[in-house]
Amino acid sequence: MTNTLVEERYAKIVDESNLGCANVSGFIVLLGGEKVLDLGCGNGSQVHRFARLVGKEGMACGLDTTEKMIERAKANYFLPNTDYLVGDIHSLPYEPGFFDVITSNCVINHSLNKRRVFEEIYRVIKQGGFFVIGDVMAVNKLPDSVVNNPQNIADCWGGAIPKKDYLDIVSEVGFTSIEVLSSRKYIKNGYGLESIILKGVKK
Protein backbone atom coordinates (compact mmCIF):
# COMPACT_ATOMS: atom_id res chain seq x y z
CA MET A 1 0.00 0.00 0.00
CA THR A 2 1.18 3.51 -0.63
CA ASN A 3 -0.61 6.19 1.40
CA THR A 4 -2.70 6.87 4.47
CA LEU A 5 -5.83 7.32 2.36
CA VAL A 6 -5.57 3.65 1.37
CA GLU A 7 -5.33 2.58 5.00
CA GLU A 8 -8.19 4.88 6.01
CA ARG A 9 -10.40 3.53 3.24
CA TYR A 10 -9.94 -0.09 4.28
CA ALA A 11 -10.18 0.68 7.98
CA LYS A 12 -13.63 2.18 7.37
CA ILE A 13 -14.88 -0.91 5.52
CA VAL A 14 -13.38 -3.53 7.81
CA ASP A 15 -16.68 -5.40 8.01
CA GLU A 16 -16.80 -6.03 4.25
CA SER A 17 -15.96 -9.62 3.32
CA ASN A 18 -14.82 -9.06 -0.26
CA LEU A 19 -12.99 -5.90 -1.26
CA GLY A 20 -11.40 -7.19 -4.45
CA CYS A 21 -11.99 -6.55 -8.13
CA ALA A 22 -12.16 -10.16 -9.38
CA ASN A 23 -13.08 -13.73 -8.42
CA VAL A 24 -9.50 -14.93 -7.96
CA SER A 25 -10.28 -18.00 -5.87
CA GLY A 26 -12.06 -19.69 -8.78
CA PHE A 27 -8.70 -19.97 -10.58
CA ILE A 28 -6.68 -21.38 -7.68
CA VAL A 29 -6.28 -25.12 -7.11
CA LEU A 30 -4.67 -25.96 -3.77
CA LEU A 31 -3.36 -29.31 -2.58
CA GLY A 32 -3.16 -30.68 0.93
CA GLY A 33 0.00 -29.65 2.72
CA GLU A 34 0.66 -26.55 0.61
CA LYS A 35 1.44 -23.09 1.97
CA VAL A 36 -0.55 -20.18 0.55
CA LEU A 37 -0.35 -16.42 1.15
CA ASP A 38 -3.12 -13.88 0.58
CA LEU A 39 -1.73 -10.34 0.16
CA GLY A 40 -4.26 -7.77 1.31
CA CYS A 41 -6.22 -10.50 3.08
CA GLY A 42 -8.86 -8.17 4.49
CA ASN A 43 -10.85 -9.74 7.32
CA GLY A 44 -9.61 -13.25 6.54
CA SER A 45 -12.51 -15.06 4.91
CA GLN A 46 -10.41 -16.12 1.92
CA VAL A 47 -7.54 -17.27 4.14
CA HIS A 48 -10.00 -19.33 6.17
CA ARG A 49 -11.21 -21.03 2.99
CA PHE A 50 -7.64 -21.73 1.87
CA ALA A 51 -6.78 -23.18 5.29
CA ARG A 52 -9.52 -25.76 4.94
CA LEU A 53 -8.32 -26.70 1.46
CA VAL A 54 -4.66 -27.22 2.40
CA GLY A 55 -5.53 -29.09 5.57
CA LYS A 56 -3.72 -29.39 8.88
CA GLU A 57 -0.41 -30.22 7.17
CA GLY A 58 -0.56 -26.99 5.17
CA MET A 59 -0.69 -23.33 6.11
CA ALA A 60 -2.73 -20.34 4.97
CA CYS A 61 -1.29 -16.90 5.74
CA GLY A 62 -2.83 -13.48 5.41
CA LEU A 63 -1.03 -10.14 5.28
CA ASP A 64 -2.74 -6.77 5.38
CA THR A 65 -1.68 -3.17 5.94
CA THR A 66 -4.70 -2.45 8.15
CA GLU A 67 -4.49 -3.47 11.81
CA LYS A 68 -8.28 -3.53 12.19
CA MET A 69 -8.56 -6.00 9.33
CA ILE A 70 -6.01 -8.33 10.92
CA GLU A 71 -7.73 -8.05 14.30
CA ARG A 72 -11.01 -9.02 12.67
CA ALA A 73 -9.38 -11.90 10.79
CA LYS A 74 -7.86 -13.32 13.96
CA ALA A 75 -11.18 -12.98 15.78
CA ASN A 76 -13.47 -14.44 13.12
CA TYR A 77 -11.37 -16.65 10.83
CA PHE A 78 -8.70 -18.27 12.96
CA LEU A 79 -7.76 -21.92 12.49
CA PRO A 80 -4.69 -23.77 13.82
CA ASN A 81 -3.13 -23.61 10.33
CA THR A 82 -3.76 -19.89 9.73
CA ASP A 83 -1.44 -16.98 10.40
CA TYR A 84 -2.28 -13.29 10.07
CA LEU A 85 0.22 -10.42 10.05
CA VAL A 86 0.14 -6.66 9.62
CA GLY A 87 2.74 -5.91 6.98
CA ASP A 88 3.91 -4.20 3.80
CA ILE A 89 3.69 -5.87 0.39
CA HIS A 90 7.01 -4.20 -0.51
CA SER A 91 8.86 -6.04 2.26
CA LEU A 92 7.25 -9.39 2.97
CA PRO A 93 8.06 -10.82 6.43
CA TYR A 94 8.65 -14.37 5.19
CA GLU A 95 11.64 -16.56 4.35
CA PRO A 96 12.68 -17.12 0.70
CA GLY A 97 10.82 -19.95 -1.04
CA PHE A 98 8.29 -20.35 1.77
CA PHE A 99 5.04 -20.43 -0.22
CA ASP A 100 3.62 -22.69 -2.92
CA VAL A 101 0.96 -20.17 -3.95
CA ILE A 102 0.51 -16.41 -3.52
CA THR A 103 -2.64 -14.50 -4.33
CA SER A 104 -4.00 -10.98 -4.05
CA ASN A 105 -7.11 -9.20 -5.23
CA CYS A 106 -7.00 -5.53 -6.28
CA VAL A 107 -4.02 -4.77 -4.04
CA ILE A 108 -0.90 -4.24 -6.16
CA ASN A 109 -2.45 -1.38 -8.16
CA HIS A 110 -2.18 0.69 -4.96
CA SER A 111 1.61 0.43 -5.09
CA LEU A 112 3.80 3.00 -6.81
CA ASN A 113 6.63 0.46 -6.95
CA LYS A 114 5.08 -2.62 -8.50
CA ARG A 115 8.45 -4.03 -9.49
CA ARG A 116 9.46 -4.19 -5.84
CA VAL A 117 6.21 -5.95 -4.96
CA PHE A 118 6.75 -8.63 -7.60
CA GLU A 119 10.39 -9.04 -6.60
CA GLU A 120 9.17 -9.81 -3.10
CA ILE A 121 6.50 -12.20 -4.38
CA TYR A 122 9.13 -13.98 -6.46
CA ARG A 123 11.48 -14.20 -3.48
CA VAL A 124 9.01 -15.92 -1.14
CA ILE A 125 7.55 -18.35 -3.71
CA LYS A 126 9.30 -21.71 -3.96
CA GLN A 127 10.57 -23.13 -7.26
CA GLY A 128 7.58 -24.47 -9.19
CA GLY A 129 5.16 -22.34 -7.19
CA PHE A 130 2.88 -19.75 -8.73
CA PHE A 131 0.82 -16.62 -8.11
CA VAL A 132 -2.75 -15.84 -9.15
CA ILE A 133 -3.50 -12.14 -8.84
CA GLY A 134 -6.51 -10.01 -9.63
CA ASP A 135 -5.66 -6.40 -10.39
CA VAL A 136 -6.63 -3.27 -12.30
CA MET A 137 -4.61 -2.11 -15.29
CA ALA A 138 -4.94 0.91 -17.55
CA VAL A 139 -5.85 0.56 -21.21
CA ASN A 140 -3.63 3.59 -21.89
CA LYS A 141 -1.19 5.40 -19.63
CA LEU A 142 -3.09 7.52 -17.13
CA PRO A 143 -2.21 11.25 -17.03
CA ASP A 144 -0.12 12.68 -14.20
CA SER A 145 -3.16 14.55 -12.87
CA VAL A 146 -4.75 11.16 -12.12
CA VAL A 147 -1.63 9.29 -11.00
CA ASN A 148 -0.50 12.04 -8.61
CA ASN A 149 -3.86 12.16 -6.81
CA PRO A 150 -3.64 9.97 -3.67
CA GLN A 151 -7.43 9.65 -3.53
CA ASN A 152 -7.50 8.06 -6.99
CA ILE A 153 -4.90 5.53 -5.85
CA ALA A 154 -6.88 4.78 -2.70
CA ASP A 155 -9.98 4.27 -4.87
CA CYS A 156 -8.31 1.37 -6.72
CA TRP A 157 -7.65 2.94 -10.09
CA GLY A 158 -5.20 5.86 -9.95
CA GLY A 159 -2.24 3.50 -9.56
CA ALA A 160 -3.14 1.39 -12.60
CA ILE A 161 -0.45 1.08 -15.29
CA PRO A 162 -0.80 -0.20 -18.87
CA LYS A 163 -1.07 -3.97 -19.22
CA LYS A 164 2.14 -4.23 -21.27
CA ASP A 165 4.13 -2.42 -18.59
CA TYR A 166 2.60 -4.61 -15.89
CA LEU A 167 3.35 -7.85 -17.74
CA ASP A 168 6.89 -6.68 -18.53
CA ILE A 169 7.55 -6.21 -14.81
CA VAL A 170 6.25 -9.68 -13.99
CA SER A 171 8.43 -11.24 -16.68
CA GLU A 172 11.53 -9.23 -15.85
CA VAL A 173 11.57 -10.28 -12.19
CA GLY A 174 11.70 -13.91 -13.33
CA PHE A 175 8.20 -15.35 -13.65
CA THR A 176 7.39 -17.60 -16.61
CA SER A 177 4.25 -19.17 -18.09
CA ILE A 178 2.52 -15.83 -17.56
CA GLU A 179 -1.12 -16.16 -18.46
CA VAL A 180 -4.12 -13.81 -18.45
CA LEU A 181 -6.90 -15.99 -17.02
CA SER A 182 -9.69 -13.43 -17.16
CA SER A 183 -10.15 -9.89 -18.46
CA ARG A 184 -12.89 -7.28 -18.32
CA LYS A 185 -12.61 -3.74 -19.69
CA TYR A 186 -14.58 -0.80 -18.30
CA ILE A 187 -14.58 2.99 -18.02
CA LYS A 188 -13.77 4.85 -14.79
CA ASN A 189 -14.09 8.64 -14.70
CA GLY A 190 -13.63 8.71 -18.47
CA TYR A 191 -10.54 6.47 -18.57
CA GLY A 192 -10.30 2.94 -19.91
CA LEU A 193 -9.38 0.31 -17.33
CA GLU A 194 -9.07 -3.46 -17.39
CA SER A 195 -9.73 -5.86 -14.54
CA ILE A 196 -7.44 -8.86 -15.04
CA ILE A 197 -6.71 -12.14 -13.32
CA LEU A 198 -3.09 -13.05 -13.96
CA LYS A 199 -1.03 -16.19 -13.28
CA GLY A 200 2.74 -16.61 -13.28
CA VAL A 201 5.04 -19.51 -12.35
CA LYS A 202 8.45 -19.50 -10.69
CA LYS A 203 10.56 -22.09 -12.53
C-alpha atoms as a PDB file:
ATOM      1  CA  MET A   1       0.000   0.000   0.000  1.00  0.00           C
ATOM      2  CA  THR A   2       1.176   3.513  -0.633  1.00  0.00           C
ATOM      3  CA  ASN A   3      -0.605   6.195   1.396  1.00  0.00           C
ATOM      4  CA  THR A   4      -2.698   6.865   4.471  1.00  0.00           C
ATOM      5  CA  LEU A   5      -5.834   7.319   2.364  1.00  0.00           C
ATOM      6  CA  VAL A   6      -5.574   3.649   1.368  1.00  0.00           C
ATOM      7  CA  GLU A   7      -5.333   2.581   5.001  1.00  0.00           C
ATOM      8  CA  GLU A   8      -8.187   4.884   6.008  1.00  0.00           C
ATOM      9  CA  ARG A   9     -10.404   3.529   3.243  1.00  0.00           C
ATOM     10  CA  TYR A  10      -9.936  -0.089   4.282  1.00  0.00           C
ATOM     11  CA  ALA A  11     -10.183   0.678   7.978  1.00  0.00           C
ATOM     12  CA  LYS A  12     -13.635   2.176   7.374  1.00  0.00           C
ATOM     13  CA  ILE A  13     -14.880  -0.912   5.523  1.00  0.00           C
ATOM     14  CA  VAL A  14     -13.383  -3.526   7.814  1.00  0.00           C
ATOM     15  CA  ASP A  15     -16.682  -5.397   8.007  1.00  0.00           C
ATOM     16  CA  GLU A  16     -16.795  -6.030   4.253  1.00  0.00           C
ATOM     17  CA  SER A  17     -15.964  -9.621   3.320  1.00  0.00           C
ATOM     18  CA  ASN A  18     -14.820  -9.065  -0.262  1.00  0.00           C
ATOM     19  CA  LEU A  19     -12.986  -5.904  -1.260  1.00  0.00           C
ATOM     20  CA  GLY A  20     -11.404  -7.192  -4.448  1.00  0.00           C
ATOM     21  CA  CYS A  21     -11.988  -6.548  -8.129  1.00  0.00           C
ATOM     22  CA  ALA A  22     -12.157 -10.160  -9.383  1.00  0.00           C
ATOM     23  CA  ASN A  23     -13.076 -13.731  -8.417  1.00  0.00           C
ATOM     24  CA  VAL A  24      -9.503 -14.928  -7.956  1.00  0.00           C
ATOM     25  CA  SER A  25     -10.281 -18.005  -5.866  1.00  0.00           C
ATOM     26  CA  GLY A  26     -12.056 -19.689  -8.779  1.00  0.00           C
ATOM     27  CA  PHE A  27      -8.700 -19.966 -10.576  1.00  0.00           C
ATOM     28  CA  ILE A  28      -6.677 -21.380  -7.681  1.00  0.00           C
ATOM     29  CA  VAL A  29      -6.284 -25.119  -7.110  1.00  0.00           C
ATOM     30  CA  LEU A  30      -4.674 -25.964  -3.771  1.00  0.00           C
ATOM     31  CA  LEU A  31      -3.355 -29.310  -2.579  1.00  0.00           C
ATOM     32  CA  GLY A  32      -3.160 -30.685   0.926  1.00  0.00           C
ATOM     33  CA  GLY A  33       0.005 -29.645   2.718  1.00  0.00           C
ATOM     34  CA  GLU A  34       0.660 -26.548   0.615  1.00  0.00           C
ATOM     35  CA  LYS A  35       1.441 -23.092   1.971  1.00  0.00           C
ATOM     36  CA  VAL A  36      -0.549 -20.178   0.548  1.00  0.00           C
ATOM     37  CA  LEU A  37      -0.350 -16.416   1.152  1.00  0.00           C
ATOM     38  CA  ASP A  38      -3.117 -13.881   0.575  1.00  0.00           C
ATOM     39  CA  LEU A  39      -1.734 -10.340   0.160  1.00  0.00           C
ATOM     40  CA  GLY A  40      -4.265  -7.774   1.307  1.00  0.00           C
ATOM     41  CA  CYS A  41      -6.217 -10.496   3.082  1.00  0.00           C
ATOM     42  CA  GLY A  42      -8.857  -8.170   4.489  1.00  0.00           C
ATOM     43  CA  ASN A  43     -10.845  -9.743   7.316  1.00  0.00           C
ATOM     44  CA  GLY A  44      -9.606 -13.246   6.540  1.00  0.00           C
ATOM     45  CA  SER A  45     -12.513 -15.061   4.913  1.00  0.00           C
ATOM     46  CA  GLN A  46     -10.412 -16.120   1.922  1.00  0.00           C
ATOM     47  CA  VAL A  47      -7.536 -17.272   4.141  1.00  0.00           C
ATOM     48  CA  HIS A  48      -9.997 -19.335   6.171  1.00  0.00           C
ATOM     49  CA  ARG A  49     -11.207 -21.029   2.989  1.00  0.00           C
ATOM     50  CA  PHE A  50      -7.640 -21.725   1.867  1.00  0.00           C
ATOM     51  CA  ALA A  51      -6.777 -23.176   5.287  1.00  0.00           C
ATOM     52  CA  ARG A  52      -9.524 -25.762   4.944  1.00  0.00           C
ATOM     53  CA  LEU A  53      -8.318 -26.704   1.461  1.00  0.00           C
ATOM     54  CA  VAL A  54      -4.657 -27.223   2.404  1.00  0.00           C
ATOM     55  CA  GLY A  55      -5.528 -29.093   5.575  1.00  0.00           C
ATOM     56  CA  LYS A  56      -3.719 -29.389   8.884  1.00  0.00           C
ATOM     57  CA  GLU A  57      -0.411 -30.225   7.168  1.00  0.00           C
ATOM     58  CA  GLY A  58      -0.558 -26.990   5.167  1.00  0.00           C
ATOM     59  CA  MET A  59      -0.692 -23.335   6.107  1.00  0.00           C
ATOM     60  CA  ALA A  60      -2.731 -20.337   4.969  1.00  0.00           C
ATOM     61  CA  CYS A  61      -1.292 -16.898   5.738  1.00  0.00           C
ATOM     62  CA  GLY A  62      -2.833 -13.482   5.408  1.00  0.00           C
ATOM     63  CA  LEU A  63      -1.032 -10.136   5.285  1.00  0.00           C
ATOM     64  CA  ASP A  64      -2.743  -6.770   5.379  1.00  0.00           C
ATOM     65  CA  THR A  65      -1.681  -3.172   5.945  1.00  0.00           C
ATOM     66  CA  THR A  66      -4.701  -2.453   8.150  1.00  0.00           C
ATOM     67  CA  GLU A  67      -4.491  -3.472  11.809  1.00  0.00           C
ATOM     68  CA  LYS A  68      -8.276  -3.532  12.192  1.00  0.00           C
ATOM     69  CA  MET A  69      -8.560  -6.004   9.335  1.00  0.00           C
ATOM     70  CA  ILE A  70      -6.010  -8.329  10.925  1.00  0.00           C
ATOM     71  CA  GLU A  71      -7.731  -8.053  14.304  1.00  0.00           C
ATOM     72  CA  ARG A  72     -11.014  -9.017  12.674  1.00  0.00           C
ATOM     73  CA  ALA A  73      -9.381 -11.899  10.794  1.00  0.00           C
ATOM     74  CA  LYS A  74      -7.863 -13.321  13.962  1.00  0.00           C
ATOM     75  CA  ALA A  75     -11.184 -12.983  15.782  1.00  0.00           C
ATOM     76  CA  ASN A  76     -13.466 -14.437  13.115  1.00  0.00           C
ATOM     77  CA  TYR A  77     -11.372 -16.646  10.834  1.00  0.00           C
ATOM     78  CA  PHE A  78      -8.698 -18.274  12.957  1.00  0.00           C
ATOM     79  CA  LEU A  79      -7.760 -21.924  12.491  1.00  0.00           C
ATOM     80  CA  PRO A  80      -4.691 -23.765  13.815  1.00  0.00           C
ATOM     81  CA  ASN A  81      -3.128 -23.609  10.333  1.00  0.00           C
ATOM     82  CA  THR A  82      -3.764 -19.888   9.734  1.00  0.00           C
ATOM     83  CA  ASP A  83      -1.437 -16.983  10.405  1.00  0.00           C
ATOM     84  CA  TYR A  84      -2.279 -13.293  10.068  1.00  0.00           C
ATOM     85  CA  LEU A  85       0.218 -10.418  10.053  1.00  0.00           C
ATOM     86  CA  VAL A  86       0.141  -6.656   9.616  1.00  0.00           C
ATOM     87  CA  GLY A  87       2.743  -5.906   6.981  1.00  0.00           C
ATOM     88  CA  ASP A  88       3.912  -4.203   3.803  1.00  0.00           C
ATOM     89  CA  ILE A  89       3.692  -5.867   0.394  1.00  0.00           C
ATOM     90  CA  HIS A  90       7.010  -4.197  -0.511  1.00  0.00           C
ATOM     91  CA  SER A  91       8.862  -6.045   2.257  1.00  0.00           C
ATOM     92  CA  LEU A  92       7.246  -9.386   2.972  1.00  0.00           C
ATOM     93  CA  PRO A  93       8.056 -10.819   6.426  1.00  0.00           C
ATOM     94  CA  TYR A  94       8.654 -14.367   5.189  1.00  0.00           C
ATOM     95  CA  GLU A  95      11.638 -16.556   4.345  1.00  0.00           C
ATOM     96  CA  PRO A  96      12.675 -17.118   0.698  1.00  0.00           C
ATOM     97  CA  GLY A  97      10.819 -19.946  -1.037  1.00  0.00           C
ATOM     98  CA  PHE A  98       8.294 -20.346   1.769  1.00  0.00           C
ATOM     99  CA  PHE A  99       5.042 -20.432  -0.223  1.00  0.00           C
ATOM    100  CA  ASP A 100       3.616 -22.689  -2.915  1.00  0.00           C
ATOM    101  CA  VAL A 101       0.959 -20.169  -3.947  1.00  0.00           C
ATOM    102  CA  ILE A 102       0.506 -16.410  -3.516  1.00  0.00           C
ATOM    103  CA  THR A 103      -2.639 -14.498  -4.331  1.00  0.00           C
ATOM    104  CA  SER A 104      -3.999 -10.982  -4.050  1.00  0.00           C
ATOM    105  CA  ASN A 105      -7.106  -9.196  -5.227  1.00  0.00           C
ATOM    106  CA  CYS A 106      -6.996  -5.530  -6.279  1.00  0.00           C
ATOM    107  CA  VAL A 107      -4.017  -4.769  -4.040  1.00  0.00           C
ATOM    108  CA  ILE A 108      -0.902  -4.243  -6.163  1.00  0.00           C
ATOM    109  CA  ASN A 109      -2.452  -1.377  -8.155  1.00  0.00           C
ATOM    110  CA  HIS A 110      -2.182   0.692  -4.963  1.00  0.00           C
ATOM    111  CA  SER A 111       1.611   0.433  -5.091  1.00  0.00           C
ATOM    112  CA  LEU A 112       3.795   3.000  -6.806  1.00  0.00           C
ATOM    113  CA  ASN A 113       6.634   0.458  -6.953  1.00  0.00           C
ATOM    114  CA  LYS A 114       5.076  -2.616  -8.503  1.00  0.00           C
ATOM    115  CA  ARG A 115       8.452  -4.035  -9.490  1.00  0.00           C
ATOM    116  CA  ARG A 116       9.456  -4.186  -5.837  1.00  0.00           C
ATOM    117  CA  VAL A 117       6.212  -5.948  -4.957  1.00  0.00           C
ATOM    118  CA  PHE A 118       6.747  -8.630  -7.600  1.00  0.00           C
ATOM    119  CA  GLU A 119      10.389  -9.038  -6.600  1.00  0.00           C
ATOM    120  CA  GLU A 120       9.166  -9.810  -3.102  1.00  0.00           C
ATOM    121  CA  ILE A 121       6.503 -12.197  -4.384  1.00  0.00           C
ATOM    122  CA  TYR A 122       9.134 -13.977  -6.465  1.00  0.00           C
ATOM    123  CA  ARG A 123      11.475 -14.204  -3.484  1.00  0.00           C
ATOM    124  CA  VAL A 124       9.012 -15.916  -1.144  1.00  0.00           C
ATOM    125  CA  ILE A 125       7.552 -18.353  -3.714  1.00  0.00           C
ATOM    126  CA  LYS A 126       9.301 -21.709  -3.962  1.00  0.00           C
ATOM    127  CA  GLN A 127      10.565 -23.130  -7.259  1.00  0.00           C
ATOM    128  CA  GLY A 128       7.582 -24.471  -9.187  1.00  0.00           C
ATOM    129  CA  GLY A 129       5.164 -22.344  -7.191  1.00  0.00           C
ATOM    130  CA  PHE A 130       2.875 -19.753  -8.729  1.00  0.00           C
ATOM    131  CA  PHE A 131       0.818 -16.624  -8.115  1.00  0.00           C
ATOM    132  CA  VAL A 132      -2.749 -15.843  -9.151  1.00  0.00           C
ATOM    133  CA  ILE A 133      -3.501 -12.144  -8.842  1.00  0.00           C
ATOM    134  CA  GLY A 134      -6.506 -10.010  -9.632  1.00  0.00           C
ATOM    135  CA  ASP A 135      -5.662  -6.398 -10.394  1.00  0.00           C
ATOM    136  CA  VAL A 136      -6.626  -3.275 -12.301  1.00  0.00           C
ATOM    137  CA  MET A 137      -4.605  -2.111 -15.292  1.00  0.00           C
ATOM    138  CA  ALA A 138      -4.939   0.906 -17.549  1.00  0.00           C
ATOM    139  CA  VAL A 139      -5.854   0.563 -21.211  1.00  0.00           C
ATOM    140  CA  ASN A 140      -3.634   3.590 -21.892  1.00  0.00           C
ATOM    141  CA  LYS A 141      -1.189   5.395 -19.628  1.00  0.00           C
ATOM    142  CA  LEU A 142      -3.095   7.518 -17.125  1.00  0.00           C
ATOM    143  CA  PRO A 143      -2.212  11.250 -17.026  1.00  0.00           C
ATOM    144  CA  ASP A 144      -0.123  12.679 -14.197  1.00  0.00           C
ATOM    145  CA  SER A 145      -3.157  14.547 -12.869  1.00  0.00           C
ATOM    146  CA  VAL A 146      -4.746  11.160 -12.116  1.00  0.00           C
ATOM    147  CA  VAL A 147      -1.627   9.286 -11.000  1.00  0.00           C
ATOM    148  CA  ASN A 148      -0.504  12.040  -8.613  1.00  0.00           C
ATOM    149  CA  ASN A 149      -3.860  12.163  -6.811  1.00  0.00           C
ATOM    150  CA  PRO A 150      -3.638   9.970  -3.667  1.00  0.00           C
ATOM    151  CA  GLN A 151      -7.426   9.654  -3.531  1.00  0.00           C
ATOM    152  CA  ASN A 152      -7.504   8.057  -6.987  1.00  0.00           C
ATOM    153  CA  ILE A 153      -4.903   5.530  -5.853  1.00  0.00           C
ATOM    154  CA  ALA A 154      -6.882   4.775  -2.701  1.00  0.00           C
ATOM    155  CA  ASP A 155      -9.984   4.273  -4.865  1.00  0.00           C
ATOM    156  CA  CYS A 156      -8.311   1.365  -6.717  1.00  0.00           C
ATOM    157  CA  TRP A 157      -7.650   2.938 -10.085  1.00  0.00           C
ATOM    158  CA  GLY A 158      -5.197   5.861  -9.949  1.00  0.00           C
ATOM    159  CA  GLY A 159      -2.245   3.502  -9.562  1.00  0.00           C
ATOM    160  CA  ALA A 160      -3.137   1.394 -12.600  1.00  0.00           C
ATOM    161  CA  ILE A 161      -0.448   1.080 -15.287  1.00  0.00           C
ATOM    162  CA  PRO A 162      -0.803  -0.202 -18.869  1.00  0.00           C
ATOM    163  CA  LYS A 163      -1.070  -3.969 -19.215  1.00  0.00           C
ATOM    164  CA  LYS A 164       2.137  -4.232 -21.269  1.00  0.00           C
ATOM    165  CA  ASP A 165       4.131  -2.422 -18.588  1.00  0.00           C
ATOM    166  CA  TYR A 166       2.603  -4.614 -15.892  1.00  0.00           C
ATOM    167  CA  LEU A 167       3.351  -7.853 -17.742  1.00  0.00           C
ATOM    168  CA  ASP A 168       6.890  -6.680 -18.529  1.00  0.00           C
ATOM    169  CA  ILE A 169       7.551  -6.206 -14.812  1.00  0.00           C
ATOM    170  CA  VAL A 170       6.246  -9.684 -13.995  1.00  0.00           C
ATOM    171  CA  SER A 171       8.432 -11.239 -16.681  1.00  0.00           C
ATOM    172  CA  GLU A 172      11.535  -9.225 -15.851  1.00  0.00           C
ATOM    173  CA  VAL A 173      11.569 -10.284 -12.192  1.00  0.00           C
ATOM    174  CA  GLY A 174      11.699 -13.907 -13.333  1.00  0.00           C
ATOM    175  CA  PHE A 175       8.197 -15.354 -13.647  1.00  0.00           C
ATOM    176  CA  THR A 176       7.391 -17.596 -16.608  1.00  0.00           C
ATOM    177  CA  SER A 177       4.253 -19.166 -18.088  1.00  0.00           C
ATOM    178  CA  ILE A 178       2.524 -15.828 -17.560  1.00  0.00           C
ATOM    179  CA  GLU A 179      -1.123 -16.158 -18.462  1.00  0.00           C
ATOM    180  CA  VAL A 180      -4.124 -13.810 -18.447  1.00  0.00           C
ATOM    181  CA  LEU A 181      -6.898 -15.991 -17.023  1.00  0.00           C
ATOM    182  CA  SER A 182      -9.693 -13.429 -17.158  1.00  0.00           C
ATOM    183  CA  SER A 183     -10.150  -9.889 -18.460  1.00  0.00           C
ATOM    184  CA  ARG A 184     -12.887  -7.276 -18.316  1.00  0.00           C
ATOM    185  CA  LYS A 185     -12.611  -3.736 -19.688  1.00  0.00           C
ATOM    186  CA  TYR A 186     -14.585  -0.802 -18.305  1.00  0.00           C
ATOM    187  CA  ILE A 187     -14.581   2.987 -18.015  1.00  0.00           C
ATOM    188  CA  LYS A 188     -13.774   4.850 -14.790  1.00  0.00           C
ATOM    189  CA  ASN A 189     -14.089   8.639 -14.698  1.00  0.00           C
ATOM    190  CA  GLY A 190     -13.634   8.707 -18.472  1.00  0.00           C
ATOM    191  CA  TYR A 191     -10.545   6.473 -18.573  1.00  0.00           C
ATOM    192  CA  GLY A 192     -10.302   2.938 -19.906  1.00  0.00           C
ATOM    193  CA  LEU A 193      -9.378   0.309 -17.328  1.00  0.00           C
ATOM    194  CA  GLU A 194      -9.071  -3.461 -17.394  1.00  0.00           C
ATOM    195  CA  SER A 195      -9.728  -5.860 -14.537  1.00  0.00           C
ATOM    196  CA  ILE A 196      -7.438  -8.855 -15.043  1.00  0.00           C
ATOM    197  CA  ILE A 197      -6.707 -12.137 -13.325  1.00  0.00           C
ATOM    198  CA  LEU A 198      -3.091 -13.049 -13.961  1.00  0.00           C
ATOM    199  CA  LYS A 199      -1.032 -16.191 -13.284  1.00  0.00           C
ATOM    200  CA  GLY A 200       2.737 -16.613 -13.282  1.00  0.00           C
ATOM    201  CA  VAL A 201       5.037 -19.508 -12.348  1.00  0.00           C
ATOM    202  CA  LYS A 202       8.455 -19.497 -10.688  1.00  0.00           C
ATOM    203  CA  LYS A 203      10.559 -22.093 -12.528  1.00  0.00           C
END
